[in-house]
C-alpha cells in the first residue's frame, strides 16, 4: 500500500482487507514506511505490514461501525520500521496474524531481518518475517460503550469473569516463570 494514500486516512475509521481472517475495522492511528497502526475493538492495537494489505476501505458517509471511546492519552508502541517494532516488542505477549493456520500467540523472544522467534508453551517457533502479516501485543483498550447499551452485568457474571481473569493471570505467570527457566538454562549451555 502507498504511504501517501494511507497517511490521508489517519484518524479515520477504515476496514483493512475486504474479508477473511486478517480483515479488521478500526481507527487508523499511524502510518510508517512499511506498516500501519490500527486500533480495533476486538484485538486492540494491530500493526499491519503494507505488503500484505490488499485493500483499505473508508465509507464515504462514515458508516463503518466502530463503537470505541478512545482515551485521550492512549499510548501504544510506535516505530519507524516493522523490524524495529518487533525489537520493541521483545519479551512481550504477542499475537501474530489474526486467524487461520498461521495465527500464533506467545512471547516474542527475538527477531531479526529473516525470522521472529515465538515461545508458545513448550514450543519454540521461528516464523519467516515475510509471512508475518500483522502483530498485536497484550494491551487492549476496554470498550465501555457496549456495557452502557447492554445495561449492567449481574454480579454473578462479574465474579465469574474475575475468577477467570485470575486463573488466566496465574497461567501467564506460571508460563513466564517456565520461560525464564528455559531461557536461563539455554544461556548457560551456550
N, C-alpha and C. Protein backbone atom coordinates (compact mmCIF):
# COMPACT_ATOMS: atom_id res chain seq x y z
N UNK A 1 0.83 -1.19 0.00
CA UNK A 1 0.00 0.00 0.00
C UNK A 1 0.87 1.25 0.00
N UNK A 2 0.38 2.27 -0.56
CA UNK A 2 1.09 3.52 -0.73
C UNK A 2 1.06 4.35 0.56
N UNK A 3 2.25 4.78 1.01
CA UNK A 3 2.38 5.57 2.24
C UNK A 3 1.56 6.86 2.18
N UNK A 4 1.65 7.58 1.06
CA UNK A 4 0.94 8.86 0.93
C UNK A 4 -0.57 8.66 1.00
N UNK A 5 -1.07 7.64 0.35
CA UNK A 5 -2.51 7.34 0.38
C UNK A 5 -2.96 7.02 1.80
N UNK A 6 -2.22 6.13 2.47
CA UNK A 6 -2.60 5.73 3.82
C UNK A 6 -2.52 6.91 4.80
N UNK A 7 -1.57 7.79 4.61
CA UNK A 7 -1.41 8.94 5.51
C UNK A 7 -2.64 9.85 5.50
N UNK A 8 -3.34 9.90 4.38
CA UNK A 8 -4.55 10.74 4.31
C UNK A 8 -5.70 10.15 5.13
N UNK A 9 -5.59 8.89 5.50
CA UNK A 9 -6.67 8.21 6.22
C UNK A 9 -6.44 8.14 7.73
N UNK A 10 -5.32 8.67 8.21
CA UNK A 10 -5.03 8.65 9.66
C UNK A 10 -6.12 9.42 10.39
N UNK A 11 -6.64 8.81 11.47
CA UNK A 11 -7.72 9.42 12.25
C UNK A 11 -9.11 9.03 11.78
N UNK A 12 -9.19 8.27 10.69
CA UNK A 12 -10.47 7.82 10.15
C UNK A 12 -10.70 6.35 10.47
N UNK A 13 -11.96 5.95 10.49
CA UNK A 13 -12.30 4.54 10.65
C UNK A 13 -12.22 3.89 9.27
N UNK A 14 -11.42 2.83 9.18
CA UNK A 14 -11.21 2.14 7.92
C UNK A 14 -11.35 0.64 8.13
N UNK A 15 -11.53 -0.06 7.03
CA UNK A 15 -11.55 -1.52 7.05
C UNK A 15 -10.34 -2.00 6.25
N UNK A 16 -9.51 -2.82 6.89
CA UNK A 16 -8.34 -3.38 6.22
C UNK A 16 -8.76 -4.71 5.60
N UNK A 17 -8.56 -4.85 4.30
CA UNK A 17 -8.96 -6.00 3.51
C UNK A 17 -10.49 -6.12 3.48
N UNK A 18 -10.99 -6.85 2.52
CA UNK A 18 -12.44 -6.94 2.32
C UNK A 18 -13.10 -8.01 3.17
N UNK A 19 -12.36 -9.02 3.56
CA UNK A 19 -12.92 -10.11 4.35
C UNK A 19 -11.83 -11.10 4.68
N UNK A 20 -12.20 -12.18 5.34
CA UNK A 20 -11.23 -13.19 5.71
C UNK A 20 -10.71 -12.98 7.12
N UNK A 21 -9.83 -13.88 7.58
CA UNK A 21 -9.38 -13.84 8.97
C UNK A 21 -8.51 -12.63 9.31
N UNK A 22 -7.86 -12.01 8.32
CA UNK A 22 -6.97 -10.88 8.58
C UNK A 22 -7.71 -9.54 8.54
N UNK A 23 -8.94 -9.53 8.06
CA UNK A 23 -9.69 -8.29 7.89
C UNK A 23 -10.13 -7.73 9.25
N UNK A 24 -9.93 -6.43 9.44
CA UNK A 24 -10.35 -5.75 10.67
C UNK A 24 -10.81 -4.34 10.34
N UNK A 25 -11.75 -3.85 11.16
CA UNK A 25 -12.21 -2.47 11.07
C UNK A 25 -11.74 -1.74 12.30
N UNK A 26 -11.24 -0.54 12.12
CA UNK A 26 -10.78 0.23 13.26
C UNK A 26 -10.32 1.61 12.88
N UNK A 27 -9.82 2.33 13.88
CA UNK A 27 -9.31 3.68 13.69
C UNK A 27 -7.84 3.60 13.27
N UNK A 28 -7.51 4.20 12.13
CA UNK A 28 -6.13 4.22 11.67
C UNK A 28 -5.38 5.25 12.51
N UNK A 29 -4.43 4.77 13.33
CA UNK A 29 -3.72 5.64 14.26
C UNK A 29 -2.46 6.25 13.66
N UNK A 30 -1.73 5.48 12.87
CA UNK A 30 -0.45 5.97 12.32
C UNK A 30 -0.06 5.15 11.11
N UNK A 31 0.84 5.74 10.31
CA UNK A 31 1.38 5.07 9.14
C UNK A 31 2.89 5.27 9.15
N UNK A 32 3.63 4.19 9.00
CA UNK A 32 5.09 4.25 8.89
C UNK A 32 5.46 3.80 7.47
N UNK A 33 6.74 3.77 7.18
CA UNK A 33 7.19 3.43 5.83
C UNK A 33 6.74 2.04 5.38
N UNK A 34 6.72 1.07 6.30
CA UNK A 34 6.40 -0.30 5.90
C UNK A 34 5.26 -0.94 6.67
N UNK A 35 4.61 -0.19 7.56
CA UNK A 35 3.47 -0.74 8.30
C UNK A 35 2.51 0.36 8.72
N UNK A 36 1.31 -0.06 9.11
CA UNK A 36 0.32 0.88 9.62
C UNK A 36 -0.16 0.40 10.98
N UNK A 37 -0.73 1.31 11.75
CA UNK A 37 -1.20 1.01 13.10
C UNK A 37 -2.69 1.23 13.16
N UNK A 38 -3.43 0.20 13.55
CA UNK A 38 -4.89 0.23 13.57
C UNK A 38 -5.40 -0.12 14.96
N UNK A 39 -6.30 0.70 15.50
CA UNK A 39 -6.94 0.40 16.78
C UNK A 39 -8.26 -0.30 16.49
N UNK A 40 -8.40 -1.55 16.97
CA UNK A 40 -9.61 -2.33 16.71
C UNK A 40 -10.33 -2.64 18.02
N UNK A 41 -11.61 -2.91 17.91
CA UNK A 41 -12.39 -3.27 19.10
C UNK A 41 -11.98 -4.65 19.61
N UNK A 42 -11.75 -5.57 18.71
CA UNK A 42 -11.51 -6.97 19.08
C UNK A 42 -10.08 -7.22 19.57
N UNK A 43 -9.10 -6.66 18.87
CA UNK A 43 -7.70 -7.00 19.13
C UNK A 43 -6.86 -5.88 19.72
N UNK A 44 -7.45 -4.73 19.99
CA UNK A 44 -6.65 -3.61 20.48
C UNK A 44 -5.85 -3.02 19.33
N UNK A 45 -4.59 -2.69 19.57
CA UNK A 45 -3.74 -2.09 18.54
C UNK A 45 -3.10 -3.21 17.71
N UNK A 46 -3.30 -3.14 16.40
CA UNK A 46 -2.76 -4.13 15.47
C UNK A 46 -1.87 -3.41 14.46
N UNK A 47 -0.71 -3.97 14.22
CA UNK A 47 0.24 -3.41 13.26
C UNK A 47 0.24 -4.29 12.01
N UNK A 48 -0.13 -3.71 10.86
CA UNK A 48 -0.19 -4.43 9.59
C UNK A 48 0.99 -4.04 8.71
N UNK A 49 1.65 -5.01 8.12
CA UNK A 49 2.70 -4.72 7.14
C UNK A 49 2.03 -4.28 5.84
N UNK A 50 2.53 -3.22 5.22
CA UNK A 50 1.95 -2.70 3.98
C UNK A 50 1.87 -3.76 2.89
N UNK A 51 2.91 -4.58 2.76
CA UNK A 51 2.97 -5.52 1.65
C UNK A 51 1.85 -6.57 1.69
N UNK A 52 1.21 -6.74 2.85
CA UNK A 52 0.14 -7.73 2.96
C UNK A 52 -1.26 -7.11 2.97
N UNK A 53 -1.36 -5.80 2.92
CA UNK A 53 -2.67 -5.14 2.90
C UNK A 53 -3.15 -5.12 1.46
N UNK A 54 -4.28 -5.82 1.23
CA UNK A 54 -4.80 -5.91 -0.13
C UNK A 54 -5.70 -4.73 -0.47
N UNK A 55 -6.44 -4.22 0.54
CA UNK A 55 -7.32 -3.07 0.31
C UNK A 55 -7.59 -2.34 1.61
N UNK A 56 -7.93 -1.06 1.47
CA UNK A 56 -8.33 -0.23 2.60
C UNK A 56 -9.63 0.44 2.19
N UNK A 57 -10.67 0.29 3.03
CA UNK A 57 -11.97 0.85 2.73
C UNK A 57 -12.32 1.93 3.73
N UNK A 58 -12.73 3.09 3.23
CA UNK A 58 -13.26 4.16 4.07
C UNK A 58 -14.65 4.46 3.53
N UNK A 59 -15.66 4.33 4.37
CA UNK A 59 -17.03 4.59 3.93
C UNK A 59 -17.19 6.09 3.71
N UNK A 60 -17.78 6.46 2.59
CA UNK A 60 -17.88 7.88 2.25
C UNK A 60 -18.78 8.66 3.21
N UNK A 61 -19.67 7.98 3.91
CA UNK A 61 -20.55 8.66 4.87
C UNK A 61 -20.23 8.28 6.31
N UNK A 62 -19.00 7.80 6.51
CA UNK A 62 -18.52 7.42 7.85
C UNK A 62 -19.47 6.45 8.56
N UNK A 63 -19.92 5.42 7.86
CA UNK A 63 -20.87 4.47 8.44
C UNK A 63 -20.23 3.13 8.80
N UNK A 64 -18.90 3.03 8.76
CA UNK A 64 -18.26 1.81 9.25
C UNK A 64 -18.42 1.78 10.76
N UNK A 65 -18.81 0.64 11.30
CA UNK A 65 -19.08 0.54 12.73
C UNK A 65 -17.78 0.49 13.53
N UNK A 66 -17.68 1.40 14.49
CA UNK A 66 -16.55 1.44 15.41
C UNK A 66 -17.07 2.08 16.68
N UNK A 67 -17.38 1.27 17.69
CA UNK A 67 -18.04 1.76 18.89
C UNK A 67 -17.13 1.92 20.08
N UNK A 68 -15.92 2.41 19.86
CA UNK A 68 -14.99 2.56 20.98
C UNK A 68 -14.78 4.03 21.31
N UNK A 69 -14.66 4.30 22.59
CA UNK A 69 -14.22 5.61 23.05
C UNK A 69 -12.72 5.52 23.23
N UNK A 70 -11.98 6.32 22.49
CA UNK A 70 -10.53 6.26 22.53
C UNK A 70 -10.02 7.20 23.62
N UNK A 71 -9.25 6.68 24.58
CA UNK A 71 -8.69 7.54 25.62
C UNK A 71 -7.82 8.63 25.01
N UNK A 72 -7.90 9.84 25.59
CA UNK A 72 -7.14 10.96 25.04
C UNK A 72 -5.63 10.71 25.06
N UNK A 73 -5.15 10.10 26.12
CA UNK A 73 -3.72 9.89 26.26
C UNK A 73 -3.34 8.42 26.05
N UNK A 74 -4.00 7.78 25.09
CA UNK A 74 -3.72 6.38 24.81
C UNK A 74 -2.28 6.23 24.31
N UNK A 75 -1.57 5.30 24.91
CA UNK A 75 -0.19 5.04 24.50
C UNK A 75 -0.11 3.71 23.78
N UNK A 76 0.67 3.68 22.75
CA UNK A 76 0.94 2.45 22.02
C UNK A 76 2.34 2.56 21.42
N UNK A 77 2.91 1.43 21.07
CA UNK A 77 4.27 1.42 20.55
C UNK A 77 4.29 1.96 19.12
N UNK A 78 5.28 2.80 18.86
CA UNK A 78 5.47 3.36 17.53
C UNK A 78 6.91 3.11 17.12
N UNK A 79 7.11 2.81 15.84
CA UNK A 79 8.46 2.56 15.34
C UNK A 79 8.53 2.97 13.88
N UNK A 80 9.73 3.26 13.42
CA UNK A 80 9.92 3.69 12.04
C UNK A 80 9.81 2.53 11.06
N UNK A 81 10.11 1.32 11.52
CA UNK A 81 10.02 0.15 10.64
C UNK A 81 9.41 -1.02 11.40
N UNK A 82 8.93 -2.00 10.64
CA UNK A 82 8.33 -3.18 11.25
C UNK A 82 9.36 -3.96 12.04
N UNK A 83 10.59 -4.04 11.53
CA UNK A 83 11.65 -4.75 12.25
C UNK A 83 11.95 -4.08 13.59
N UNK A 84 12.02 -2.75 13.61
CA UNK A 84 12.28 -2.07 14.88
C UNK A 84 11.09 -2.18 15.82
N UNK A 85 9.88 -2.29 15.28
CA UNK A 85 8.70 -2.53 16.11
C UNK A 85 8.83 -3.87 16.82
N UNK A 86 9.24 -4.90 16.08
CA UNK A 86 9.41 -6.23 16.68
C UNK A 86 10.50 -6.21 17.74
N UNK A 87 11.54 -5.43 17.53
CA UNK A 87 12.59 -5.30 18.55
C UNK A 87 12.00 -4.69 19.82
N UNK A 88 11.13 -3.68 19.66
CA UNK A 88 10.48 -3.05 20.81
C UNK A 88 9.53 -4.01 21.53
N UNK A 89 8.99 -4.98 20.80
CA UNK A 89 8.04 -5.94 21.38
C UNK A 89 8.71 -7.17 21.98
N UNK A 90 10.03 -7.21 21.98
CA UNK A 90 10.73 -8.37 22.51
C UNK A 90 10.31 -8.63 23.95
N UNK A 91 10.06 -9.89 24.26
CA UNK A 91 9.61 -10.41 25.56
C UNK A 91 8.19 -9.98 25.92
N UNK A 92 7.41 -9.51 24.95
CA UNK A 92 6.00 -9.18 25.15
C UNK A 92 5.16 -10.37 24.67
N UNK A 93 3.96 -10.48 25.24
CA UNK A 93 2.99 -11.46 24.76
C UNK A 93 2.38 -10.89 23.49
N UNK A 94 2.51 -11.59 22.37
CA UNK A 94 2.04 -11.09 21.09
C UNK A 94 1.13 -12.10 20.41
N UNK A 95 0.35 -11.58 19.47
CA UNK A 95 -0.42 -12.44 18.57
C UNK A 95 -0.01 -12.05 17.17
N UNK A 96 0.47 -13.03 16.42
CA UNK A 96 0.91 -12.80 15.05
C UNK A 96 -0.13 -13.41 14.11
N UNK A 97 -0.56 -12.61 13.16
CA UNK A 97 -1.61 -12.96 12.19
C UNK A 97 -2.93 -13.20 12.93
N UNK A 98 -4.00 -12.71 12.40
CA UNK A 98 -5.29 -12.70 13.09
C UNK A 98 -5.96 -14.05 13.13
N UNK A 99 -5.87 -14.82 12.08
CA UNK A 99 -6.59 -16.09 12.07
C UNK A 99 -5.99 -17.04 11.06
N UNK A 100 -6.59 -18.20 10.93
CA UNK A 100 -6.09 -19.20 10.01
C UNK A 100 -5.00 -20.04 10.65
N UNK A 101 -4.43 -20.94 9.89
CA UNK A 101 -3.44 -21.88 10.44
C UNK A 101 -2.13 -21.22 10.85
N UNK A 102 -1.83 -20.04 10.33
CA UNK A 102 -0.57 -19.37 10.66
C UNK A 102 -0.68 -18.38 11.80
N UNK A 103 -1.82 -18.33 12.45
CA UNK A 103 -2.01 -17.45 13.61
C UNK A 103 -1.33 -18.10 14.82
N UNK A 104 -0.61 -17.29 15.59
CA UNK A 104 0.09 -17.83 16.75
C UNK A 104 0.17 -16.76 17.84
N UNK A 105 0.06 -17.21 19.09
CA UNK A 105 0.23 -16.33 20.24
C UNK A 105 1.34 -16.89 21.10
N UNK A 106 2.12 -16.00 21.70
CA UNK A 106 3.18 -16.42 22.59
C UNK A 106 4.07 -15.24 22.92
N UNK A 107 5.21 -15.54 23.52
CA UNK A 107 6.16 -14.49 23.88
C UNK A 107 7.16 -14.33 22.74
N UNK A 108 7.30 -13.09 22.27
CA UNK A 108 8.27 -12.80 21.22
C UNK A 108 9.65 -12.79 21.84
N UNK A 109 10.44 -13.80 21.52
CA UNK A 109 11.75 -13.97 22.14
C UNK A 109 12.81 -13.15 21.42
N UNK A 110 12.82 -13.21 20.09
CA UNK A 110 13.80 -12.44 19.33
C UNK A 110 13.28 -12.25 17.92
N UNK A 111 13.89 -11.28 17.23
CA UNK A 111 13.56 -11.06 15.82
C UNK A 111 14.78 -10.48 15.13
N UNK A 112 14.87 -10.76 13.85
CA UNK A 112 15.92 -10.17 13.01
C UNK A 112 15.31 -9.99 11.63
N UNK A 113 16.08 -9.66 10.67
CA UNK A 113 15.54 -9.41 9.34
C UNK A 113 14.96 -10.63 8.65
N UNK A 114 15.33 -11.83 9.11
CA UNK A 114 14.89 -13.06 8.46
C UNK A 114 13.73 -13.75 9.15
N UNK A 115 13.74 -13.78 10.49
CA UNK A 115 12.70 -14.52 11.20
C UNK A 115 12.46 -13.92 12.59
N UNK A 116 11.32 -14.33 13.17
CA UNK A 116 10.99 -13.97 14.55
C UNK A 116 10.79 -15.28 15.32
N UNK A 117 11.21 -15.29 16.57
CA UNK A 117 11.09 -16.48 17.40
C UNK A 117 10.02 -16.24 18.46
N UNK A 118 9.04 -17.14 18.49
CA UNK A 118 7.94 -17.09 19.45
C UNK A 118 8.05 -18.31 20.35
N UNK A 119 7.92 -18.09 21.66
CA UNK A 119 7.88 -19.20 22.61
C UNK A 119 6.42 -19.38 23.00
N UNK A 120 5.89 -20.55 22.68
CA UNK A 120 4.49 -20.87 22.96
C UNK A 120 4.46 -22.19 23.72
N UNK A 121 4.01 -22.13 24.97
CA UNK A 121 4.03 -23.29 25.85
C UNK A 121 5.45 -23.85 25.87
N UNK A 122 5.64 -25.07 25.40
CA UNK A 122 6.98 -25.65 25.41
C UNK A 122 7.59 -25.70 24.01
N UNK A 123 7.00 -24.94 23.07
CA UNK A 123 7.49 -24.91 21.71
C UNK A 123 8.24 -23.61 21.44
N UNK A 124 9.27 -23.69 20.63
CA UNK A 124 9.97 -22.52 20.12
C UNK A 124 9.70 -22.49 18.62
N UNK A 125 8.95 -21.48 18.17
CA UNK A 125 8.51 -21.39 16.78
C UNK A 125 9.24 -20.24 16.10
N UNK A 126 9.86 -20.52 14.96
CA UNK A 126 10.52 -19.49 14.18
C UNK A 126 9.68 -19.20 12.94
N UNK A 127 9.29 -17.94 12.79
CA UNK A 127 8.43 -17.53 11.68
C UNK A 127 9.23 -16.67 10.71
N UNK A 128 9.09 -16.94 9.45
CA UNK A 128 9.71 -16.11 8.43
C UNK A 128 9.11 -14.71 8.51
N UNK A 129 9.96 -13.69 8.50
CA UNK A 129 9.48 -12.30 8.59
C UNK A 129 8.52 -11.98 7.44
N UNK A 130 8.78 -12.54 6.27
CA UNK A 130 7.92 -12.25 5.12
C UNK A 130 6.48 -12.69 5.39
N UNK A 131 6.29 -13.77 6.11
CA UNK A 131 4.95 -14.33 6.31
C UNK A 131 4.22 -13.76 7.53
N UNK A 132 4.84 -12.83 8.23
CA UNK A 132 4.14 -12.12 9.31
C UNK A 132 3.35 -11.00 8.67
N UNK A 133 2.03 -11.15 8.68
CA UNK A 133 1.16 -10.15 8.05
C UNK A 133 0.84 -9.01 9.01
N UNK A 134 0.65 -9.37 10.29
CA UNK A 134 0.32 -8.36 11.28
C UNK A 134 0.67 -8.88 12.67
N UNK A 135 0.70 -7.96 13.63
CA UNK A 135 1.03 -8.34 15.00
C UNK A 135 0.31 -7.41 15.96
N UNK A 136 -0.08 -7.96 17.09
CA UNK A 136 -0.63 -7.16 18.19
C UNK A 136 0.03 -7.65 19.46
N UNK A 137 -0.03 -6.82 20.49
CA UNK A 137 0.56 -7.24 21.76
C UNK A 137 -0.45 -7.07 22.87
N UNK A 138 -0.13 -7.53 24.06
CA UNK A 138 -1.05 -7.69 25.18
C UNK A 138 -2.03 -6.60 25.51
N UNK A 139 -1.69 -5.34 25.29
CA UNK A 139 -2.55 -4.25 25.75
C UNK A 139 -3.75 -4.06 24.83
N UNK A 140 -4.92 -3.91 25.44
CA UNK A 140 -6.13 -3.64 24.69
C UNK A 140 -6.91 -2.56 25.41
N UNK A 141 -7.66 -1.75 24.66
CA UNK A 141 -8.48 -0.70 25.24
C UNK A 141 -9.83 -1.30 25.56
N UNK A 142 -10.30 -1.10 26.79
CA UNK A 142 -11.61 -1.61 27.18
C UNK A 142 -12.69 -0.79 26.51
N UNK A 143 -13.77 -1.44 26.09
CA UNK A 143 -14.86 -0.77 25.41
C UNK A 143 -16.01 -0.58 26.38
N UNK A 144 -16.19 0.65 26.88
CA UNK A 144 -17.24 0.94 27.84
C UNK A 144 -18.59 1.18 27.18
N UNK A 145 -18.62 1.60 25.92
CA UNK A 145 -19.88 1.96 25.28
C UNK A 145 -20.81 0.76 25.14
N UNK A 146 -20.27 -0.44 24.95
CA UNK A 146 -21.12 -1.63 24.83
C UNK A 146 -21.80 -1.95 26.16
N UNK A 147 -21.09 -1.74 27.27
CA UNK A 147 -21.69 -2.02 28.57
C UNK A 147 -22.87 -1.10 28.84
N UNK A 148 -22.81 0.14 28.40
CA UNK A 148 -23.91 1.07 28.59
C UNK A 148 -25.14 0.61 27.83
N UNK A 149 -24.93 0.10 26.61
CA UNK A 149 -26.04 -0.36 25.79
C UNK A 149 -26.69 -1.60 26.37
N UNK A 150 -25.92 -2.50 26.94
CA UNK A 150 -26.44 -3.75 27.45
C UNK A 150 -26.98 -3.64 28.86
N UNK A 151 -26.67 -2.56 29.54
CA UNK A 151 -27.04 -2.45 30.95
C UNK A 151 -25.96 -3.08 31.80
N UNK A 152 -26.14 -3.07 33.09
CA UNK A 152 -25.11 -3.62 33.97
C UNK A 152 -25.17 -5.14 33.98
N UNK A 153 -24.00 -5.75 34.09
CA UNK A 153 -23.94 -7.20 34.18
C UNK A 153 -24.33 -7.63 35.58
N UNK A 154 -24.83 -8.85 35.70
CA UNK A 154 -25.17 -9.35 37.03
C UNK A 154 -23.88 -9.58 37.82
N UNK A 155 -23.96 -9.48 39.14
CA UNK A 155 -22.76 -9.64 39.97
C UNK A 155 -22.20 -11.06 39.85
N UNK A 156 -23.07 -12.02 39.59
CA UNK A 156 -22.61 -13.40 39.42
C UNK A 156 -21.71 -13.53 38.20
N UNK A 157 -22.11 -12.94 37.09
CA UNK A 157 -21.30 -12.99 35.87
C UNK A 157 -19.99 -12.25 36.06
N UNK A 158 -20.05 -11.14 36.78
CA UNK A 158 -18.85 -10.36 37.03
C UNK A 158 -17.87 -11.14 37.89
N UNK A 159 -18.36 -11.81 38.95
CA UNK A 159 -17.50 -12.62 39.79
C UNK A 159 -16.88 -13.76 39.01
N UNK A 160 -17.67 -14.38 38.13
CA UNK A 160 -17.15 -15.47 37.30
C UNK A 160 -16.04 -14.96 36.38
N UNK A 161 -16.23 -13.77 35.82
CA UNK A 161 -15.22 -13.19 34.95
C UNK A 161 -13.94 -12.88 35.74
N UNK A 162 -14.08 -12.35 36.95
CA UNK A 162 -12.92 -12.06 37.78
C UNK A 162 -12.15 -13.33 38.09
N UNK A 163 -12.88 -14.41 38.37
CA UNK A 163 -12.25 -15.69 38.66
C UNK A 163 -11.48 -16.19 37.45
N UNK A 164 -12.08 -16.06 36.25
CA UNK A 164 -11.40 -16.48 35.03
C UNK A 164 -10.15 -15.63 34.79
N UNK A 165 -10.25 -14.32 35.04
CA UNK A 165 -9.10 -13.43 34.85
C UNK A 165 -7.95 -13.81 35.77
N UNK A 166 -8.27 -14.13 37.05
CA UNK A 166 -7.23 -14.55 37.98
C UNK A 166 -6.58 -15.84 37.51
N UNK A 167 -7.40 -16.77 37.01
CA UNK A 167 -6.88 -18.04 36.51
C UNK A 167 -5.95 -17.79 35.32
N UNK A 168 -6.35 -16.90 34.39
CA UNK A 168 -5.51 -16.56 33.25
C UNK A 168 -4.21 -15.91 33.69
N UNK A 169 -4.30 -15.00 34.68
CA UNK A 169 -3.10 -14.34 35.17
C UNK A 169 -2.14 -15.36 35.79
N UNK A 170 -2.69 -16.30 36.57
CA UNK A 170 -1.84 -17.33 37.17
C UNK A 170 -1.18 -18.19 36.09
N UNK A 171 -1.93 -18.54 35.04
CA UNK A 171 -1.37 -19.32 33.95
C UNK A 171 -0.26 -18.56 33.25
N UNK A 172 -0.48 -17.26 33.00
CA UNK A 172 0.55 -16.45 32.35
C UNK A 172 1.79 -16.32 33.23
N UNK A 173 1.58 -16.16 34.55
CA UNK A 173 2.71 -16.05 35.47
C UNK A 173 3.51 -17.35 35.49
N UNK A 174 2.80 -18.48 35.53
CA UNK A 174 3.47 -19.78 35.51
C UNK A 174 4.25 -19.96 34.21
N UNK A 175 3.63 -19.55 33.10
CA UNK A 175 4.30 -19.65 31.81
C UNK A 175 5.55 -18.78 31.78
N UNK A 176 5.44 -17.56 32.29
CA UNK A 176 6.58 -16.65 32.31
C UNK A 176 7.72 -17.22 33.16
N UNK A 177 7.38 -17.85 34.30
CA UNK A 177 8.41 -18.47 35.13
C UNK A 177 9.11 -19.60 34.37
N UNK A 178 8.32 -20.45 33.71
CA UNK A 178 8.89 -21.55 32.93
C UNK A 178 9.76 -21.00 31.80
N UNK A 179 9.28 -19.95 31.14
CA UNK A 179 10.04 -19.35 30.06
C UNK A 179 11.38 -18.83 30.57
N UNK A 180 11.37 -18.15 31.71
CA UNK A 180 12.62 -17.63 32.28
C UNK A 180 13.58 -18.76 32.63
N UNK A 181 13.04 -19.88 33.17
CA UNK A 181 13.88 -21.01 33.49
C UNK A 181 14.52 -21.59 32.23
N UNK A 182 13.72 -21.77 31.19
CA UNK A 182 14.23 -22.30 29.93
C UNK A 182 15.26 -21.35 29.35
N UNK A 183 14.96 -20.06 29.38
CA UNK A 183 15.85 -19.05 28.84
C UNK A 183 17.18 -19.03 29.58
N UNK A 184 17.11 -19.15 30.93
CA UNK A 184 18.34 -19.15 31.71
C UNK A 184 19.16 -20.40 31.44
N UNK A 185 18.48 -21.57 31.31
CA UNK A 185 19.19 -22.81 31.01
C UNK A 185 19.89 -22.72 29.67
N UNK A 186 19.20 -22.17 28.67
CA UNK A 186 19.80 -22.08 27.33
C UNK A 186 20.97 -21.11 27.35
N UNK A 187 20.93 -20.08 28.18
CA UNK A 187 22.04 -19.12 28.27
C UNK A 187 23.28 -19.81 28.85
N UNK A 188 23.08 -20.75 29.80
CA UNK A 188 24.21 -21.44 30.42
C UNK A 188 24.81 -22.50 29.52
N UNK A 189 24.01 -23.03 28.59
CA UNK A 189 24.50 -24.10 27.73
C UNK A 189 25.31 -23.58 26.55
N UNK A 190 25.28 -22.27 26.31
CA UNK A 190 26.00 -21.71 25.15
C UNK A 190 27.45 -21.58 25.41
